[in-house]
Amino acid sequence: MNYEHIKTGLLIGLIGLSMVLTWKLWTFQPNFALLDDTTRYVPNEAVSEEKRLTDLILPEQMVIHYGDQHSMIPREAAEFEELYQSLLNASLDEGELMSAGPFPKEGTEGGIEFVFPAALPIDIFLGLFQVDREEMSSPITAVNRLYVYIEEQSEQVRMQLLSSEDEPIVELDTTLAPGELEEKVVRGIEEYPAVTALSEIDEALQSTNKAIYIPNEPLTAERLSFTVSPIPGEFFRQSLFTDPDSVKYYRQSGSEESYTDGNRIININNNGLFMEYNNPIFSDTQERSSKHIILSSYEFINGHGGWSDQYLLSSWVSTEARDEAEYRMHVNDLPVISFQGLDQMKLSTTRSGNQIESYSRPLFDLDASPIDARQQVELPSGERLVERLRDQEFFDFERLEKVTVGYEMIMPNPSFVTVNPYWFILYDNHWQKITFNEEGGEADGLE
C-alpha cells in the first residue's frame, strides 16, 4: 500500500517537473547580444567633458609691438594665457569708427596684437567678452586681429579691431589697467623672441592684411612621444544614432568597419584610427540655419563630449551649398598639421541647411603626459625660411596665408605616437611641410 503511494507521488512530481520545464522552454529568450560581440553597446558616456567656447577659440599668435621692434610671446609661456584671460575679463565700451588705418595704430608707445586663426563673426567675438550684441553696434562683420594699446591723451587702454573683409577699423574702450599693459610690453619686448613682419620683407604682402611674423633667430621645439588609447567606434554608434537598436554592423574588406541605420552611416578606416560620419540630406529645399557654423559645430561636438585631447578652432567656410568648421589638435601648444603625411588630425564638421551632414575625426586619445623621451629640435630662422621659399620655382608670396611651427605625427604601432616639429606653410589653402638640408635630415623642399 505504501509502495503504491510512493509511485503515485513520484508520478505526480515528474508530471509537475515536466510542466515546469515545458513552460521554461516555451518562454526562453536567448540573449544573442552576449553571443554576438557586434551588438553590444558601450555606456553612453562622453569621451571628454563639455567645454566652453572660450576654451576652443584662442589666438594663434600674440605679438608685442614697441616702436619698430616686434617680439612674439610663445604659446607655451604662462603669460600667453594670462594676457588672453585678462583681455576676456575686461569690459568693452563703444569707441569710434576709423575710416582708415593704420593697424596696428601708430604714434603709441607700444601694444600687443592678437592674431586669431580664423575670422571670428562679430557676434561670436563679442560673446567671448560677454557683451550683449544688441547693446553694442559695430560696422564690421568679423574680427581677424585685434590690437590693444595705451591712448596717451586719456591714458586708457583701447582696442583696435581689424577685419580682412571690411575696410573700417573699429576702436573700443577697455577697462584693462594701463600700468599692467605697459609693464608687459616693455618687459616682453626684451624677454621674448624677436620677430619680423613678412610684409616688411616682401613687397607682395605690403598691401594685404595678412599677419605673418617670422622669428629673427632659430627656434627650438620638442620632439615628443605619447602612448595612446583607442576611442571605440561603438561610442559614436550610441551617441550619433537616434535609435541605436536599429543600427547594423558590417565588417568590410580589409580593416574597414561600418555602422548604419539605413540612412546615417559611420565608416571606420585606417585600422580603426579614423572615423567618418555621414547623415545625408535628401531635400533640395533645406532652410538655411540662422546659427553660425562655429556655434552649430561646437554644440554638435559638445553634445556628445567629443573633445578628446586639445582641439582649437582653426578654420571655417560658408557657401550657398554648405558650411564647414574645423578644430585642429594641438600638442604642447603647437598644431598637429600632418599625420604620416596626411592632414587628418582635426575634427571636421559640415552642415547643410540646419543639419550636421558629415563629421570626421581621429579615434584615438593621447595620454595626458608624454613619455620620458623628449628631445630638443632646432628649427631654422625666419630669414632662412624665406630664402627656402624663394628657391621654390613659381612660388608666389601673395598666395601664402600662414607660416607656423607645427607637428607631424607618426604612429610606429597602434599604441604609440611621436610628434616631430617642422616649419609648415598654408599655401593656396593647403598645408605644406618645409624641409631643409640638415645633417641626417630630409632633402630641401615643400611636401
Protein backbone atom coordinates (compact mmCIF):
# COMPACT_ATOMS: atom_id res chain seq x y z
CA MET A 1 0.00 0.00 0.00
CA ASN A 2 2.80 2.38 0.94
CA TYR A 3 4.61 1.31 -2.23
CA GLU A 4 1.69 2.36 -4.40
CA HIS A 5 1.51 5.70 -2.61
CA ILE A 6 5.22 6.30 -3.30
CA LYS A 7 4.81 5.52 -7.01
CA THR A 8 1.82 7.84 -7.22
CA GLY A 9 3.76 10.62 -5.51
CA LEU A 10 6.76 10.21 -7.81
CA LEU A 11 4.50 10.22 -10.86
CA ILE A 12 2.82 13.44 -9.74
CA GLY A 13 6.24 15.01 -9.08
CA LEU A 14 7.53 14.02 -12.52
CA ILE A 15 4.43 15.41 -14.19
CA GLY A 16 4.87 18.69 -12.30
CA LEU A 17 8.58 18.89 -13.22
CA SER A 18 7.71 18.21 -16.86
CA MET A 19 5.19 21.04 -16.85
CA VAL A 20 7.73 23.48 -15.34
CA LEU A 21 10.43 22.52 -17.87
CA THR A 22 7.95 22.78 -20.75
CA TRP A 23 6.92 26.25 -19.62
CA LYS A 24 10.56 27.37 -19.35
CA LEU A 25 11.27 26.02 -22.82
CA TRP A 26 8.34 27.90 -24.32
CA THR A 27 9.21 31.16 -22.61
CA PHE A 28 13.03 31.02 -23.03
CA GLN A 29 14.50 34.13 -24.81
CA PRO A 30 18.12 33.57 -25.86
CA ASN A 31 20.40 36.63 -25.30
CA PHE A 32 22.04 36.73 -28.69
CA ALA A 33 23.75 40.02 -27.71
CA LEU A 34 26.02 38.00 -25.44
CA LEU A 35 26.95 35.75 -28.35
CA ASP A 36 27.35 38.46 -30.99
CA ASP A 37 30.01 40.97 -29.97
CA THR A 38 28.87 43.44 -32.61
CA THR A 39 25.54 44.12 -30.89
CA ARG A 40 26.95 45.20 -27.55
CA TYR A 41 26.73 48.93 -26.84
CA VAL A 42 29.07 50.86 -24.67
CA PRO A 43 27.51 53.06 -21.99
CA ASN A 44 26.51 56.48 -23.31
CA GLU A 45 29.39 58.28 -21.60
CA ALA A 46 31.23 61.23 -23.11
CA VAL A 47 34.78 60.95 -24.42
CA SER A 48 35.53 64.16 -22.52
CA GLU A 49 33.79 66.83 -20.50
CA GLU A 50 31.86 69.61 -22.20
CA LYS A 51 33.89 72.72 -22.96
CA ARG A 52 33.16 76.42 -23.15
CA LEU A 53 33.55 78.25 -26.42
CA THR A 54 36.34 80.32 -24.87
CA ASP A 55 38.30 77.05 -24.39
CA LEU A 56 38.21 76.43 -28.14
CA ILE A 57 38.83 79.90 -29.57
CA LEU A 58 42.35 81.13 -28.80
CA PRO A 59 44.74 83.45 -30.63
CA GLU A 60 47.35 81.62 -32.65
CA GLN A 61 49.84 84.47 -32.25
CA MET A 62 50.44 87.19 -29.67
CA VAL A 63 52.89 89.87 -30.87
CA ILE A 64 54.33 92.75 -28.84
CA HIS A 65 54.95 96.00 -30.73
CA TYR A 66 57.27 98.65 -29.28
CA GLY A 67 58.45 101.33 -31.67
CA ASP A 68 59.95 99.48 -34.63
CA GLN A 69 60.62 96.34 -32.53
CA HIS A 70 58.42 93.23 -32.51
CA SER A 71 58.51 90.18 -30.22
CA MET A 72 56.25 87.14 -30.10
CA ILE A 73 55.00 85.60 -26.86
CA PRO A 74 55.32 81.79 -27.25
CA ARG A 75 52.13 79.80 -26.87
CA GLU A 76 53.65 77.74 -24.07
CA ALA A 77 54.53 80.84 -22.00
CA ALA A 78 52.32 81.34 -18.93
CA GLU A 79 51.89 85.00 -19.90
CA PHE A 80 50.13 84.00 -23.14
CA GLU A 81 47.17 82.55 -21.24
CA GLU A 82 47.28 85.25 -18.56
CA LEU A 83 47.11 88.07 -21.11
CA TYR A 84 44.27 86.49 -23.04
CA GLN A 85 42.24 85.87 -19.89
CA SER A 86 42.83 89.46 -18.75
CA LEU A 87 41.56 90.60 -22.13
CA LEU A 88 38.43 88.44 -21.95
CA ASN A 89 37.69 89.64 -18.42
CA ALA A 90 37.83 93.29 -19.46
CA SER A 91 34.71 95.34 -20.13
CA LEU A 92 34.28 96.92 -23.56
CA ASP A 93 32.61 100.19 -24.49
CA GLU A 94 31.93 101.67 -27.89
CA GLY A 95 34.72 103.92 -29.06
CA GLU A 96 35.00 105.42 -32.51
CA LEU A 97 34.93 104.23 -36.09
CA MET A 98 38.10 104.85 -38.05
CA SER A 99 37.65 105.03 -41.80
CA ALA A 100 41.24 104.06 -42.48
CA GLY A 101 44.25 102.50 -40.79
CA PRO A 102 46.92 102.08 -39.89
CA PHE A 103 46.77 98.84 -37.95
CA PRO A 104 48.46 98.50 -35.50
CA LYS A 105 47.89 102.12 -34.50
CA GLU A 106 50.91 104.34 -34.99
CA GLY A 107 52.16 107.01 -32.61
CA THR A 108 51.78 104.87 -29.49
CA GLU A 109 54.44 103.71 -27.07
CA GLY A 110 53.54 100.12 -27.83
CA GLY A 111 50.88 97.47 -27.59
CA ILE A 112 50.02 93.82 -28.09
CA GLU A 113 48.49 92.28 -31.21
CA PHE A 114 46.29 89.17 -31.01
CA VAL A 115 46.01 87.16 -34.24
CA PHE A 116 43.15 84.66 -34.49
CA PRO A 117 43.38 81.51 -36.65
CA ALA A 118 40.15 82.35 -38.48
CA ALA A 119 37.87 85.36 -38.82
CA LEU A 120 35.51 85.48 -35.84
CA PRO A 121 31.98 86.69 -36.64
CA ILE A 122 31.36 89.84 -34.66
CA ASP A 123 28.55 88.23 -32.63
CA ILE A 124 30.81 85.35 -31.56
CA PHE A 125 33.73 87.69 -30.88
CA LEU A 126 31.66 89.96 -28.62
CA GLY A 127 30.17 86.85 -26.99
CA LEU A 128 33.65 85.87 -25.79
CA PHE A 129 33.62 89.09 -23.75
CA GLN A 130 30.05 88.56 -22.51
CA VAL A 131 28.95 91.69 -24.37
CA ASP A 132 25.33 91.92 -25.50
CA ARG A 133 25.39 92.37 -29.26
CA GLU A 134 22.24 94.49 -29.15
CA GLU A 135 23.91 96.93 -26.78
CA MET A 136 26.95 97.46 -29.00
CA SER A 137 26.82 98.31 -32.67
CA SER A 138 29.70 97.53 -35.00
CA PRO A 139 30.16 98.32 -38.68
CA ILE A 140 32.35 95.27 -39.22
CA THR A 141 31.08 91.70 -39.56
CA ALA A 142 34.15 89.75 -38.40
CA VAL A 143 37.41 90.12 -36.48
CA ASN A 144 40.73 88.62 -37.63
CA ARG A 145 43.12 90.59 -35.44
CA LEU A 146 42.96 92.99 -32.53
CA TYR A 147 45.47 95.38 -31.05
CA VAL A 148 45.44 96.75 -27.51
CA TYR A 149 47.43 99.90 -26.73
CA ILE A 150 47.55 102.84 -24.33
CA GLU A 151 45.94 106.00 -25.67
CA GLU A 152 48.35 108.70 -24.49
CA GLN A 153 45.91 111.60 -24.01
CA SER A 154 43.36 109.69 -21.95
CA GLU A 155 45.86 107.18 -20.53
CA GLN A 156 43.28 104.50 -21.23
CA VAL A 157 43.77 101.10 -22.85
CA ARG A 158 41.96 100.94 -26.18
CA MET A 159 41.41 98.12 -28.63
CA GLN A 160 41.53 98.14 -32.42
CA LEU A 161 39.52 95.53 -34.31
CA LEU A 162 40.63 94.59 -37.83
CA SER A 163 38.64 92.56 -40.35
CA SER A 164 40.07 91.14 -43.56
CA GLU A 165 36.64 91.55 -45.18
CA ASP A 166 35.63 95.07 -44.10
CA GLU A 167 37.54 98.29 -44.64
CA PRO A 168 36.83 100.26 -41.43
CA ILE A 169 38.89 99.73 -38.28
CA VAL A 170 36.82 99.87 -35.11
CA GLU A 171 38.17 101.18 -31.82
CA LEU A 172 36.75 100.22 -28.43
CA ASP A 173 37.47 101.43 -24.92
CA THR A 174 38.51 98.77 -22.39
CA THR A 175 38.91 98.55 -18.62
CA LEU A 176 42.39 97.00 -18.84
CA ALA A 177 44.92 98.61 -16.49
CA PRO A 178 47.36 100.87 -18.41
CA GLY A 179 50.21 100.23 -15.99
CA GLU A 180 49.89 96.47 -16.31
CA LEU A 181 49.86 96.60 -20.12
CA GLU A 182 52.83 98.97 -20.24
CA GLU A 183 54.84 96.69 -17.95
CA LYS A 184 54.10 93.64 -20.10
CA VAL A 185 55.07 95.47 -23.31
CA VAL A 186 58.36 96.89 -22.01
CA ARG A 187 59.45 93.68 -20.30
CA GLY A 188 58.18 91.36 -23.05
CA ILE A 189 59.92 93.14 -25.93
CA GLU A 190 63.24 92.10 -24.40
CA GLU A 191 62.24 88.76 -22.91
CA TYR A 192 60.58 87.04 -25.89
CA PRO A 193 61.95 86.11 -29.35
CA ALA A 194 62.24 88.99 -31.81
CA VAL A 195 60.16 88.64 -34.98
CA THR A 196 59.76 90.49 -38.28
CA ALA A 197 56.58 91.01 -40.23
CA LEU A 198 56.86 89.27 -43.59
CA SER A 199 55.22 92.32 -45.17
CA GLU A 200 58.38 94.25 -44.27
CA ILE A 201 60.46 91.77 -46.25
CA ASP A 202 58.39 91.01 -49.32
CA GLU A 203 56.60 93.74 -51.24
CA ALA A 204 53.88 91.33 -52.38
CA LEU A 205 52.45 91.32 -48.85
CA GLN A 206 52.67 95.03 -48.04
CA SER A 207 49.17 95.80 -49.37
CA THR A 208 47.44 92.90 -47.60
CA ASN A 209 46.05 92.44 -44.09
CA LYS A 210 47.91 89.16 -43.59
CA ALA A 211 49.58 88.80 -40.20
CA ILE A 212 52.67 86.71 -40.92
CA TYR A 213 55.52 87.10 -38.45
CA ILE A 214 58.77 85.13 -38.67
CA PRO A 215 61.49 84.75 -36.00
CA ASN A 216 64.80 86.55 -36.41
CA GLU A 217 66.72 83.69 -34.82
CA PRO A 218 66.47 79.87 -34.96
CA LEU A 219 63.80 78.31 -32.74
CA THR A 220 63.73 75.17 -30.65
CA ALA A 221 60.78 72.82 -30.22
CA GLU A 222 60.41 69.47 -28.52
CA ARG A 223 60.10 66.10 -30.20
CA LEU A 224 57.67 64.13 -28.01
CA SER A 225 56.26 60.61 -27.77
CA PHE A 226 52.95 59.50 -26.27
CA THR A 227 51.12 56.31 -25.59
CA VAL A 228 47.57 56.43 -26.94
CA SER A 229 44.21 54.95 -26.04
CA PRO A 230 41.65 53.96 -28.70
CA ILE A 231 38.21 55.59 -28.78
CA PRO A 232 35.73 52.81 -29.59
CA GLY A 233 33.58 53.32 -32.65
CA GLU A 234 30.68 51.84 -30.67
CA PHE A 235 30.59 55.01 -28.58
CA PHE A 236 29.61 57.02 -31.65
CA ARG A 237 27.06 54.41 -32.68
CA GLN A 238 25.41 55.03 -29.34
CA SER A 239 25.69 58.83 -29.43
CA LEU A 240 25.15 59.75 -33.11
CA PHE A 241 22.20 57.50 -33.99
CA THR A 242 18.74 58.35 -32.70
CA ASP A 243 17.82 54.64 -32.36
CA PRO A 244 20.94 52.55 -31.64
CA ASP A 245 18.84 49.35 -31.60
CA SER A 246 18.21 49.72 -35.33
CA VAL A 247 21.89 50.08 -36.21
CA LYS A 248 23.57 47.29 -38.17
CA TYR A 249 27.26 46.50 -38.05
CA TYR A 250 29.32 45.46 -41.07
CA ARG A 251 32.94 44.47 -41.37
CA GLN A 252 34.12 45.24 -44.88
CA SER A 253 37.18 44.18 -46.79
CA GLY A 254 40.47 44.81 -45.05
CA SER A 255 40.18 46.69 -41.76
CA GLU A 256 37.17 48.88 -42.56
CA GLU A 257 34.01 48.75 -40.43
CA SER A 258 30.62 50.40 -40.79
CA TYR A 259 27.56 51.14 -38.68
CA THR A 260 24.34 52.20 -40.39
CA ASP A 261 20.63 52.57 -39.70
CA GLY A 262 19.83 52.71 -43.42
CA ASN A 263 20.28 56.49 -43.54
CA ARG A 264 23.12 57.61 -41.32
CA ILE A 265 26.43 55.76 -41.63
CA ILE A 266 29.71 55.65 -39.72
CA ASN A 267 32.75 54.37 -41.60
CA ILE A 268 35.82 53.44 -39.56
CA ASN A 269 39.01 53.12 -41.54
CA ASN A 270 42.80 53.09 -41.34
CA ASN A 271 42.84 50.18 -38.88
CA GLY A 272 40.32 51.86 -36.61
CA LEU A 273 42.24 55.14 -36.33
CA PHE A 274 39.78 57.47 -38.07
CA MET A 275 36.04 57.84 -38.42
CA GLU A 276 33.70 59.43 -40.96
CA TYR A 277 30.04 60.04 -40.10
CA ASN A 278 27.51 60.96 -42.80
CA ASN A 279 23.88 61.97 -42.40
CA PRO A 280 22.85 62.80 -45.99
CA ILE A 281 20.25 65.40 -46.90
CA PHE A 282 17.71 64.24 -49.50
CA SER A 283 15.79 67.51 -49.87
CA ASP A 284 16.78 70.44 -52.06
CA THR A 285 14.63 72.84 -50.04
CA GLN A 286 16.54 72.81 -46.76
CA GLU A 287 16.03 76.00 -44.80
CA ARG A 288 19.36 77.69 -44.12
CA SER A 289 20.25 77.89 -40.44
CA SER A 290 20.50 81.32 -38.87
CA LYS A 291 23.07 79.98 -36.40
CA HIS A 292 26.71 80.36 -37.41
CA ILE A 293 28.56 77.15 -38.29
CA ILE A 294 31.04 77.77 -35.46
CA LEU A 295 28.20 77.60 -32.93
CA SER A 296 26.46 74.66 -34.65
CA SER A 297 29.65 72.58 -34.81
CA TYR A 298 30.57 73.50 -31.23
CA GLU A 299 27.15 72.43 -29.93
CA PHE A 300 27.20 69.22 -32.01
CA ILE A 301 30.61 68.07 -30.71
CA ASN A 302 29.89 69.31 -27.19
CA GLY A 303 26.63 67.34 -27.25
CA HIS A 304 28.45 64.02 -27.26
CA GLY A 305 31.55 65.20 -25.35
CA GLY A 306 33.83 64.68 -28.33
CA TRP A 307 36.70 66.93 -27.22
CA SER A 308 39.37 64.30 -26.66
CA ASP A 309 42.83 65.93 -26.36
CA GLN A 310 43.12 69.68 -27.05
CA TYR A 311 41.28 70.83 -30.16
CA LEU A 312 41.06 74.51 -31.13
CA LEU A 313 39.07 76.28 -33.81
CA SER A 314 41.30 76.51 -36.90
CA SER A 315 39.04 77.45 -39.82
CA TRP A 316 35.51 77.76 -41.14
CA VAL A 317 33.92 78.45 -44.52
CA SER A 318 30.37 79.20 -45.58
CA THR A 319 28.93 78.79 -49.08
CA GLU A 320 25.45 78.65 -50.53
CA ALA A 321 25.56 74.84 -50.54
CA ARG A 322 27.07 74.08 -47.15
CA ASP A 323 29.03 75.34 -44.16
CA GLU A 324 32.18 73.78 -42.71
CA ALA A 325 34.17 74.21 -39.49
CA GLU A 326 37.37 72.54 -38.30
CA TYR A 327 39.03 72.16 -34.90
CA ARG A 328 42.69 71.15 -35.04
CA MET A 329 44.51 69.01 -32.48
CA HIS A 330 47.24 70.79 -30.53
CA VAL A 331 50.09 69.11 -28.64
CA ASN A 332 52.38 71.04 -26.34
CA ASP A 333 50.60 74.21 -27.61
CA LEU A 334 51.59 73.54 -31.24
CA PRO A 335 49.16 72.49 -34.01
CA VAL A 336 49.36 68.93 -35.32
CA ILE A 337 49.20 69.53 -39.05
CA SER A 338 50.21 66.19 -40.51
CA PHE A 339 49.55 62.55 -39.60
CA GLN A 340 52.05 60.45 -41.56
CA GLY A 341 51.79 62.89 -44.46
CA LEU A 342 48.01 63.48 -44.34
CA ASP A 343 46.07 66.39 -42.84
CA GLN A 344 43.77 64.31 -40.62
CA MET A 345 44.34 65.47 -37.06
CA LYS A 346 41.23 67.58 -36.75
CA LEU A 347 37.52 67.44 -36.00
CA SER A 348 35.76 68.43 -39.23
CA THR A 349 32.05 69.15 -39.47
CA THR A 350 29.87 70.02 -42.48
CA ARG A 351 26.35 71.41 -42.25
CA SER A 352 23.65 71.55 -44.91
CA GLY A 353 20.62 73.62 -44.01
CA ASN A 354 20.00 73.05 -40.29
CA GLN A 355 21.63 69.62 -40.09
CA ILE A 356 25.17 68.43 -39.49
CA GLU A 357 25.72 66.39 -42.63
CA SER A 358 29.21 64.98 -42.03
CA TYR A 359 31.71 64.66 -39.21
CA SER A 360 35.22 63.20 -39.34
CA ARG A 361 37.77 62.74 -36.59
CA PRO A 362 40.62 60.63 -35.15
CA LEU A 363 39.62 57.66 -32.99
CA PHE A 364 42.48 57.75 -30.52
CA ASP A 365 43.31 59.84 -27.49
CA LEU A 366 46.82 60.83 -26.41
CA ASP A 367 47.64 60.08 -22.80
CA ALA A 368 47.94 63.15 -20.60
CA SER A 369 51.74 63.27 -20.33
CA PRO A 370 54.46 62.37 -22.83
CA ILE A 371 56.84 59.56 -22.04
CA ASP A 372 60.38 60.42 -20.97
CA ALA A 373 61.80 60.56 -24.49
CA ARG A 374 61.89 64.32 -25.03
CA GLN A 375 64.33 65.80 -27.49
CA GLN A 376 65.02 69.44 -28.38
CA VAL A 377 64.96 70.15 -32.12
CA GLU A 378 66.36 73.36 -33.61
CA LEU A 379 64.43 74.89 -36.49
CA PRO A 380 65.93 77.43 -38.92
CA SER A 381 65.33 81.17 -38.57
CA GLY A 382 62.65 83.05 -40.43
CA GLU A 383 65.23 84.54 -42.79
CA ARG A 384 66.37 81.12 -43.87
CA LEU A 385 62.75 80.05 -44.19
CA VAL A 386 62.08 82.92 -46.60
CA GLU A 387 65.19 82.01 -48.60
CA ARG A 388 63.95 78.45 -48.82
CA LEU A 389 60.59 79.61 -50.17
CA ARG A 390 62.20 81.93 -52.69
CA ASP A 391 64.22 78.99 -54.00
CA GLN A 392 60.99 77.22 -54.99
CA GLU A 393 60.14 77.67 -58.65
CA PHE A 394 56.94 79.66 -59.26
CA PHE A 395 56.42 80.33 -55.54
CA ASP A 396 54.02 83.28 -55.14
CA PHE A 397 54.11 85.09 -51.78
CA GLU A 398 50.67 86.56 -52.43
CA ARG A 399 49.24 83.03 -52.15
CA LEU A 400 50.96 82.45 -48.82
CA GLU A 401 48.39 82.54 -45.99
CA LYS A 402 50.21 81.38 -42.85
CA VAL A 403 53.62 80.32 -41.56
CA THR A 404 53.91 78.33 -38.34
CA VAL A 405 55.86 75.74 -36.43
CA GLY A 406 53.73 72.62 -36.15
CA TYR A 407 53.91 68.90 -35.59
CA GLU A 408 53.91 65.93 -37.89
CA MET A 409 52.61 62.86 -36.09
CA ILE A 410 53.80 59.35 -36.87
CA MET A 411 52.50 56.10 -35.40
CA PRO A 412 55.08 53.28 -35.30
CA ASN A 413 52.47 50.99 -33.69
CA PRO A 414 48.78 51.32 -32.71
CA SER A 415 49.53 52.26 -29.10
CA PHE A 416 52.36 54.75 -29.58
CA VAL A 417 52.86 58.05 -31.47
CA THR A 418 55.71 60.52 -31.92
CA VAL A 419 55.34 64.18 -32.89
CA ASN A 420 58.18 65.88 -34.77
CA PRO A 421 58.36 69.70 -35.17
CA TYR A 422 58.72 71.32 -38.61
CA TRP A 423 58.03 74.58 -40.34
CA PHE A 424 54.68 74.49 -42.16
CA ILE A 425 53.07 76.96 -44.54
CA LEU A 426 49.44 77.37 -45.59
CA TYR A 427 49.67 77.96 -49.34
CA ASP A 428 46.68 78.01 -51.66
CA ASN A 429 44.54 76.63 -48.78
CA HIS A 430 46.79 73.57 -48.36
CA TRP A 431 49.31 72.92 -45.61
CA GLN A 432 52.81 72.03 -46.77
CA LYS A 433 55.82 70.92 -44.72
CA ILE A 434 59.09 72.73 -45.37
CA THR A 435 62.27 70.68 -45.13
CA PHE A 436 65.89 71.81 -45.16
CA ASN A 437 69.21 70.16 -45.95
CA GLU A 438 70.33 69.21 -42.47
CA GLU A 439 72.80 66.57 -41.42
CA GLY A 440 70.87 63.32 -41.26
CA GLY A 441 67.75 65.15 -42.33
CA GLU A 442 65.49 65.24 -45.35
CA ALA A 443 66.01 66.89 -48.70
CA ASP A 444 65.19 70.54 -49.25
CA GLY A 445 61.71 71.31 -50.42
CA LEU A 446 57.98 71.58 -49.83
CA GLU A 447 55.95 68.46 -49.09
